[in-house]
N, C-alpha and C. Protein backbone atom coordinates (compact mmCIF):
# COMPACT_ATOMS: atom_id res chain seq x y z
N MET A 1 10.01 36.15 -42.51
CA MET A 1 11.01 36.33 -41.29
C MET A 1 12.35 36.27 -40.74
N THR A 2 12.84 37.08 -39.80
CA THR A 2 14.38 37.08 -39.56
C THR A 2 14.76 35.72 -38.90
N PRO A 3 16.10 35.77 -39.06
CA PRO A 3 16.71 34.32 -38.39
C PRO A 3 16.16 34.22 -36.44
N PHE A 4 16.49 35.58 -36.56
CA PHE A 4 16.44 36.28 -35.02
C PHE A 4 14.84 35.97 -34.57
N LEU A 5 14.11 36.37 -35.13
CA LEU A 5 12.68 35.88 -34.94
C LEU A 5 12.06 34.44 -35.15
N ALA A 6 12.69 33.78 -35.81
CA ALA A 6 12.46 32.54 -36.26
C ALA A 6 12.85 31.52 -34.96
N ALA A 7 13.98 32.28 -34.12
CA ALA A 7 14.60 31.44 -33.25
C ALA A 7 13.61 31.48 -31.94
N CYS A 8 13.63 33.25 -31.77
CA CYS A 8 12.28 33.33 -30.45
C CYS A 8 11.25 32.63 -31.08
N ALA A 9 10.97 32.72 -31.54
CA ALA A 9 9.71 31.58 -32.23
C ALA A 9 9.79 29.85 -31.38
N LEU A 10 11.14 30.00 -31.89
CA LEU A 10 11.30 27.96 -31.86
C LEU A 10 11.17 28.06 -30.08
N ILE A 11 12.05 29.34 -29.27
CA ILE A 11 12.18 28.96 -27.72
C ILE A 11 10.83 29.56 -27.70
N ALA A 12 10.12 29.96 -27.80
CA ALA A 12 8.96 30.38 -27.20
C ALA A 12 8.03 28.96 -27.01
N ALA A 13 8.06 28.35 -28.05
CA ALA A 13 7.00 27.53 -28.53
C ALA A 13 7.69 26.32 -27.55
N SER A 14 8.60 25.76 -27.35
CA SER A 14 9.54 24.99 -26.38
C SER A 14 9.45 25.34 -25.05
N LEU A 15 8.87 26.25 -24.38
CA LEU A 15 8.73 26.91 -23.09
C LEU A 15 7.31 26.28 -22.73
N PRO A 16 7.30 25.81 -21.32
CA PRO A 16 5.48 25.36 -20.76
C PRO A 16 4.86 26.89 -20.91
N ALA A 17 3.79 26.69 -21.18
CA ALA A 17 2.63 27.68 -21.11
C ALA A 17 1.86 28.13 -19.65
N ARG A 18 2.45 29.33 -18.94
CA ARG A 18 1.54 29.30 -17.66
C ARG A 18 0.27 30.96 -17.75
N ALA A 19 0.01 30.76 -18.98
CA ALA A 19 -1.14 31.89 -18.72
C ALA A 19 -2.58 31.08 -18.21
N GLY A 20 -2.53 30.13 -18.02
CA GLY A 20 -4.16 29.87 -17.25
C GLY A 20 -3.79 29.77 -15.64
N GLY A 21 -2.65 29.73 -15.32
CA GLY A 21 -2.32 29.66 -13.80
C GLY A 21 -2.59 28.53 -13.38
N PRO A 22 -2.18 28.21 -11.88
CA PRO A 22 -1.56 26.48 -11.20
C PRO A 22 -3.11 25.50 -11.95
N ILE A 23 -2.46 24.66 -11.69
CA ILE A 23 -3.71 23.36 -12.45
C ILE A 23 -3.18 22.10 -11.09
N ASP A 24 -4.14 21.56 -10.78
CA ASP A 24 -4.38 20.77 -9.83
C ASP A 24 -3.96 19.17 -10.24
N CYS A 25 -2.79 18.58 -9.65
CA CYS A 25 -2.08 17.61 -10.23
C CYS A 25 -2.43 16.33 -8.81
N ARG A 26 -1.82 14.93 -9.47
CA ARG A 26 -2.61 14.09 -8.46
C ARG A 26 -1.40 12.86 -8.28
N LEU A 27 -0.86 12.51 -7.50
CA LEU A 27 -0.15 11.13 -7.75
C LEU A 27 -0.88 10.36 -7.12
N THR A 28 -0.80 9.01 -8.10
CA THR A 28 -1.60 7.75 -7.46
C THR A 28 -0.13 6.27 -7.47
N PHE A 29 0.36 6.20 -6.42
CA PHE A 29 1.51 5.47 -6.80
C PHE A 29 1.19 4.29 -5.49
N THR A 30 2.33 3.39 -6.02
CA THR A 30 2.55 1.70 -4.97
C THR A 30 4.13 1.93 -4.83
N MET A 31 4.83 1.52 -4.04
CA MET A 31 6.38 1.45 -3.75
C MET A 31 6.35 0.63 -2.32
N SER A 32 7.71 -0.06 -2.51
CA SER A 32 8.02 -0.90 -1.19
C SER A 32 9.68 -0.46 -1.18
N GLY A 33 10.07 -0.66 0.07
CA GLY A 33 11.28 -0.37 0.55
C GLY A 33 11.83 -1.07 1.61
N TRP A 34 13.34 -0.78 1.88
CA TRP A 34 13.81 -1.20 3.54
C TRP A 34 14.54 -0.49 3.89
N SER A 35 14.80 -0.26 5.47
CA SER A 35 15.76 0.80 6.21
C SER A 35 17.24 0.08 6.97
N ALA A 36 17.96 0.12 6.86
CA ALA A 36 18.79 -0.04 8.01
C ALA A 36 19.86 0.67 8.30
N PHE A 37 19.66 2.17 8.26
CA PHE A 37 20.57 3.30 8.88
C PHE A 37 20.61 3.85 7.82
N TYR A 38 20.06 3.20 6.81
CA TYR A 38 19.98 4.19 4.71
C TYR A 38 18.86 3.47 4.46
N LYS A 39 18.07 4.18 3.98
CA LYS A 39 16.82 4.19 3.29
C LYS A 39 16.87 3.88 2.33
N THR A 40 15.67 2.85 1.67
CA THR A 40 15.65 2.78 -0.13
C THR A 40 14.10 2.61 -0.05
N ALA A 41 13.79 2.89 -1.18
CA ALA A 41 12.45 2.42 -1.71
C ALA A 41 12.04 2.57 -3.01
N SER A 42 11.55 1.98 -3.86
CA SER A 42 11.54 2.79 -4.89
C SER A 42 9.80 1.97 -5.77
N GLY A 43 9.29 2.56 -6.79
CA GLY A 43 8.27 1.75 -7.15
C GLY A 43 7.51 2.81 -8.36
N THR A 44 6.58 2.61 -8.89
CA THR A 44 5.92 3.50 -9.93
C THR A 44 4.59 4.06 -9.63
N GLY A 45 3.79 4.80 -10.38
CA GLY A 45 2.57 5.67 -10.25
C GLY A 45 2.49 6.50 -11.63
N THR A 46 1.21 7.17 -11.60
CA THR A 46 0.81 7.83 -12.40
C THR A 46 0.25 9.22 -12.05
N VAL A 47 0.58 9.88 -12.61
CA VAL A 47 0.20 12.05 -12.58
C VAL A 47 -0.70 11.87 -13.25
N SER A 48 -1.68 12.53 -12.47
CA SER A 48 -3.27 13.30 -13.33
C SER A 48 -3.43 14.78 -12.71
N CYS A 49 -3.16 15.77 -14.13
CA CYS A 49 -4.30 16.94 -14.21
C CYS A 49 -5.22 17.11 -14.26
N ASP A 50 -6.15 17.99 -13.86
CA ASP A 50 -7.10 18.67 -13.88
C ASP A 50 -7.32 18.88 -15.43
N ASN A 51 -6.25 19.23 -16.35
CA ASN A 51 -6.57 20.29 -17.44
C ASN A 51 -5.91 19.05 -18.34
N GLY A 52 -6.35 17.31 -17.83
CA GLY A 52 -6.17 16.21 -18.95
C GLY A 52 -4.83 15.53 -18.77
N GLN A 53 -3.84 16.42 -18.37
CA GLN A 53 -2.50 15.89 -18.43
C GLN A 53 -2.18 14.55 -17.83
N ARG A 54 -1.35 13.60 -18.24
CA ARG A 54 -1.40 12.75 -17.73
C ARG A 54 0.06 11.83 -17.85
N MET A 55 0.73 11.20 -16.93
CA MET A 55 1.88 10.95 -16.97
C MET A 55 2.39 9.35 -16.32
N ALA A 56 3.12 8.62 -17.18
CA ALA A 56 3.04 7.64 -15.80
C ALA A 56 4.60 7.69 -15.15
N VAL A 57 5.02 7.46 -13.91
CA VAL A 57 6.56 8.10 -13.49
C VAL A 57 7.33 6.98 -12.51
N ARG A 58 8.15 6.66 -12.30
CA ARG A 58 8.65 5.94 -11.47
C ARG A 58 8.93 6.80 -9.92
N ILE A 59 9.33 6.23 -9.05
CA ILE A 59 9.67 7.43 -7.83
C ILE A 59 10.40 6.31 -7.06
N ARG A 60 11.63 7.50 -6.45
CA ARG A 60 12.61 6.17 -5.74
C ARG A 60 12.49 7.38 -4.55
N ALA A 61 12.70 6.76 -3.52
CA ALA A 61 13.17 7.58 -1.97
C ALA A 61 14.57 6.91 -1.03
N LYS A 62 15.30 7.72 -1.34
CA LYS A 62 16.83 7.69 -0.68
C LYS A 62 16.95 8.48 0.65
N GLY A 63 17.40 8.00 1.88
CA GLY A 63 17.75 8.70 2.47
C GLY A 63 18.95 8.09 3.40
N GLY A 64 19.15 8.98 5.17
CA GLY A 64 19.65 8.14 6.13
C GLY A 64 19.49 8.84 7.35
N GLY A 65 19.69 8.06 8.11
CA GLY A 65 19.40 8.41 9.59
C GLY A 65 19.03 7.21 10.34
N LEU A 66 18.36 7.08 11.39
CA LEU A 66 18.51 6.00 12.67
C LEU A 66 17.44 5.17 12.64
N SER A 67 16.70 4.71 11.61
CA SER A 67 15.92 3.41 10.61
C SER A 67 15.94 2.54 10.81
N PHE A 68 14.83 1.64 10.94
CA PHE A 68 14.96 0.01 10.49
C PHE A 68 13.60 -0.26 10.37
N GLY A 69 13.68 -1.05 8.95
CA GLY A 69 12.12 -1.66 8.75
C GLY A 69 11.98 -1.94 7.42
N LYS A 70 11.02 -2.43 7.22
CA LYS A 70 10.91 -3.24 5.44
C LYS A 70 9.11 -2.88 5.37
N SER A 71 9.12 -1.96 4.65
CA SER A 71 7.24 -2.02 4.19
C SER A 71 6.85 -1.80 2.45
N ARG A 72 5.85 -1.68 2.45
CA ARG A 72 5.26 -1.53 1.42
C ARG A 72 3.72 -0.92 1.09
N ILE A 73 3.67 -0.10 0.37
CA ILE A 73 2.80 1.33 0.28
C ILE A 73 1.90 0.91 -1.19
N GLU A 74 0.85 0.32 -1.16
CA GLU A 74 -0.08 0.07 -2.18
C GLU A 74 -1.30 1.04 -2.17
N ASN A 75 -1.55 1.77 -3.10
CA ASN A 75 -2.99 2.69 -3.62
C ASN A 75 -2.41 3.91 -2.57
N GLY A 76 -0.61 4.84 -2.63
CA GLY A 76 -0.64 5.62 -1.88
C GLY A 76 -1.42 6.77 -2.88
N THR A 77 -1.42 7.95 -2.30
CA THR A 77 -1.65 9.13 -2.89
C THR A 77 -1.01 10.00 -2.96
N GLY A 78 -1.19 10.76 -3.95
CA GLY A 78 -0.14 12.27 -3.39
C GLY A 78 -0.88 13.96 -4.38
N GLU A 79 -1.19 14.93 -3.53
CA GLU A 79 -1.32 15.96 -4.14
C GLU A 79 -0.13 16.94 -4.48
N PHE A 80 -0.10 17.68 -5.40
CA PHE A 80 1.11 18.72 -5.83
C PHE A 80 0.29 19.90 -5.48
N SER A 81 1.24 21.03 -5.23
CA SER A 81 0.19 22.39 -5.61
C SER A 81 1.95 23.12 -5.57
N GLY A 82 1.41 24.50 -6.27
CA GLY A 82 2.29 25.46 -7.17
C GLY A 82 2.78 24.55 -8.82
N VAL A 83 1.65 24.02 -9.80
CA VAL A 83 1.94 23.03 -10.57
C VAL A 83 1.35 23.99 -11.45
N HIS A 84 2.46 24.70 -12.54
CA HIS A 84 1.52 24.97 -13.88
C HIS A 84 1.52 24.33 -15.00
N HIS A 85 2.74 23.13 -15.34
CA HIS A 85 2.66 22.46 -16.35
C HIS A 85 3.06 20.98 -15.66
N ILE A 86 2.54 19.91 -16.06
CA ILE A 86 3.10 18.60 -15.57
C ILE A 86 4.26 18.28 -15.69
N ARG A 87 4.92 18.77 -16.50
CA ARG A 87 6.76 18.17 -16.14
C ARG A 87 7.36 19.05 -14.73
N GLU A 88 6.61 19.79 -14.61
CA GLU A 88 7.29 20.32 -13.32
C GLU A 88 7.19 19.22 -12.23
N VAL A 89 6.34 18.48 -12.12
CA VAL A 89 6.31 17.51 -10.90
C VAL A 89 7.25 16.77 -10.88
N LEU A 90 8.00 16.63 -12.19
CA LEU A 90 9.18 15.58 -12.23
C LEU A 90 10.86 16.41 -11.44
N GLY A 91 11.40 15.87 -10.60
CA GLY A 91 12.54 16.27 -10.14
C GLY A 91 12.96 15.58 -8.55
N THR A 92 13.91 16.45 -7.68
CA THR A 92 13.96 15.80 -7.01
C THR A 92 13.69 16.83 -5.52
N TYR A 93 12.99 16.24 -4.47
CA TYR A 93 12.29 16.79 -3.22
C TYR A 93 12.66 16.42 -2.18
N ALA A 94 13.03 17.41 -1.14
CA ALA A 94 13.78 17.13 0.28
C ALA A 94 12.28 16.75 0.81
N THR A 95 13.14 15.57 1.82
CA THR A 95 12.50 15.32 2.62
C THR A 95 12.94 15.09 4.18
N ALA A 96 12.25 14.63 5.12
CA ALA A 96 12.39 14.43 6.62
C ALA A 96 11.07 13.99 6.81
N GLU A 97 11.12 13.09 7.55
CA GLU A 97 10.29 12.24 8.47
C GLU A 97 10.75 11.54 9.83
N ALA A 98 9.53 11.26 10.36
CA ALA A 98 9.59 10.34 11.97
C ALA A 98 8.28 9.42 11.35
N HIS A 99 8.93 7.90 11.46
CA HIS A 99 7.95 6.83 11.57
C HIS A 99 7.93 5.67 12.29
N ALA A 100 6.77 5.03 12.40
CA ALA A 100 6.47 3.83 13.27
C ALA A 100 5.82 3.23 13.00
N GLY A 101 5.53 1.91 12.79
CA GLY A 101 4.24 0.79 12.13
C GLY A 101 4.79 -0.52 12.22
N ALA A 102 4.00 -1.03 12.31
CA ALA A 102 3.47 -2.64 12.44
C ALA A 102 2.19 -3.40 11.76
N VAL A 103 2.63 -4.11 10.84
CA VAL A 103 1.75 -4.65 10.11
C VAL A 103 1.10 -3.73 9.41
N ARG A 104 -0.19 -3.55 9.83
CA ARG A 104 -0.68 -2.28 8.65
C ARG A 104 -0.51 -0.80 9.41
N SER A 105 0.41 0.31 8.45
CA SER A 105 0.45 1.07 8.77
C SER A 105 0.36 2.12 8.18
N SER A 106 0.00 3.87 8.48
CA SER A 106 -0.21 5.07 7.30
C SER A 106 0.41 5.82 7.45
N LYS A 107 0.84 6.23 6.52
CA LYS A 107 1.92 7.38 6.72
C LYS A 107 1.63 8.54 5.84
N ALA A 108 1.73 9.82 6.64
CA ALA A 108 2.05 10.99 5.63
C ALA A 108 2.71 11.84 6.04
N GLN A 109 3.19 12.97 4.60
CA GLN A 109 4.55 13.21 4.37
C GLN A 109 4.56 14.36 3.30
N VAL A 110 5.05 15.97 3.49
CA VAL A 110 4.74 16.67 2.93
C VAL A 110 6.49 16.68 2.09
N MET A 111 6.57 17.30 1.06
CA MET A 111 7.91 17.51 0.74
C MET A 111 7.96 19.04 0.11
N THR A 112 9.42 19.30 -0.78
CA THR A 112 8.87 20.45 -1.31
C THR A 112 10.03 20.16 -2.54
N LYS A 113 10.31 21.07 -3.32
CA LYS A 113 11.14 21.55 -4.62
C LYS A 113 10.70 22.77 -4.79
N GLY A 114 11.94 23.34 -4.78
CA GLY A 114 11.54 25.04 -5.13
C GLY A 114 10.04 25.32 -4.93
N GLU A 115 9.05 25.85 -5.53
CA GLU A 115 7.76 26.45 -5.69
C GLU A 115 6.89 25.08 -5.94
N VAL A 116 7.07 24.06 -6.16
CA VAL A 116 6.23 22.85 -6.07
C VAL A 116 6.09 21.63 -4.63
N SER A 117 5.27 22.01 -4.37
CA SER A 117 5.15 21.11 -2.97
C SER A 117 4.87 19.54 -3.28
N LEU A 118 4.51 18.97 -2.50
CA LEU A 118 3.90 17.17 -2.68
C LEU A 118 3.48 16.88 -1.21
N ALA A 119 2.22 16.69 -1.10
CA ALA A 119 2.03 15.46 0.15
C ALA A 119 1.79 14.32 -0.24
N LEU A 120 2.00 13.69 0.61
CA LEU A 120 1.47 11.72 0.30
C LEU A 120 0.93 11.19 1.38
N ALA A 121 0.16 10.26 1.26
CA ALA A 121 -0.72 9.48 2.06
C ALA A 121 -0.42 8.48 1.47
N GLY A 122 -0.66 7.27 2.45
CA GLY A 122 -0.79 6.25 1.88
C GLY A 122 -0.75 5.11 3.24
N THR A 123 -1.45 3.92 2.90
CA THR A 123 -1.45 2.82 4.04
C THR A 123 -0.87 1.63 3.59
N GLY A 124 0.45 0.73 4.14
CA GLY A 124 0.84 -0.77 3.67
C GLY A 124 0.97 -1.05 4.76
N ARG A 125 1.93 -2.35 4.70
CA ARG A 125 2.15 -3.36 5.12
C ARG A 125 3.59 -3.30 5.38
N GLY A 126 3.85 -4.00 6.56
CA GLY A 126 5.34 -3.81 7.28
C GLY A 126 5.59 -3.43 8.36
N TRP A 127 7.04 -3.25 9.21
CA TRP A 127 7.26 -2.71 9.64
C TRP A 127 8.33 -1.99 9.54
N ASP A 128 7.88 -0.78 10.75
CA ASP A 128 9.29 0.60 10.54
C ASP A 128 9.39 1.47 11.71
N VAL A 129 10.68 1.76 12.08
CA VAL A 129 10.51 2.55 13.38
C VAL A 129 12.05 3.55 13.09
N GLY A 130 11.34 4.85 13.55
CA GLY A 130 13.06 5.97 12.98
C GLY A 130 12.53 7.33 12.65
N VAL A 131 13.90 8.13 12.21
CA VAL A 131 14.16 9.27 11.92
C VAL A 131 14.97 9.45 10.79
N ALA A 132 13.88 9.39 9.61
CA ALA A 132 15.15 9.73 8.23
C ALA A 132 14.98 10.82 7.57
N PHE A 133 16.12 11.54 6.87
CA PHE A 133 16.38 12.73 6.02
C PHE A 133 16.82 12.04 4.70
N GLY A 134 16.42 12.51 3.57
CA GLY A 134 16.64 12.49 2.48
C GLY A 134 16.13 13.15 0.89
N LYS A 135 15.83 12.32 -0.17
CA LYS A 135 15.06 13.03 -0.96
C LYS A 135 14.13 11.92 -1.81
N PHE A 136 13.61 12.47 -2.55
CA PHE A 136 12.06 11.44 -3.26
C PHE A 136 12.21 12.44 -4.60
N VAL A 137 12.54 11.09 -5.41
CA VAL A 137 12.82 11.73 -7.20
C VAL A 137 11.39 11.05 -7.59
N ILE A 138 11.07 11.93 -8.98
CA ILE A 138 10.10 11.70 -9.20
C ILE A 138 10.93 11.60 -11.05
N GLU A 139 10.46 10.78 -11.80
CA GLU A 139 10.80 10.45 -12.92
C GLU A 139 10.00 10.16 -14.03
N PRO A 140 10.08 10.22 -15.17
CA PRO A 140 9.25 9.78 -16.54
C PRO A 140 9.63 8.36 -16.43
N ARG A 141 8.73 7.59 -16.55
CA ARG A 141 8.70 6.04 -16.43
C ARG A 141 8.68 5.68 -18.36
């Protein structure tokens, strides 16, 4: 094998396979945070895909706007679309939200990162009110 062909084979082996089409991936998570004009939250979760792939992840949300509160989401879920390999769920998603809740509240939000979208849902405790824009980051744990 020539050095050129060996290099091509090495590069091809390191790329994610897309032959099978999109896969269904789901995020389960817990996170907590606060906001006073600046909003921040963090937590952990697991991404599971229908092809058997699993990955433990760390999640962070940051942003700003007219937002006040403190909350915790337990047993949150997320559904990804546009995913061909589990590593495509990692990265920074753009977010925008309006929220209000007291004591026990529910939240739903859709965000995007290129061709990958994520729809989140969860229930939690705390209080919050406002409008915020920012980012939602998923990293390997």
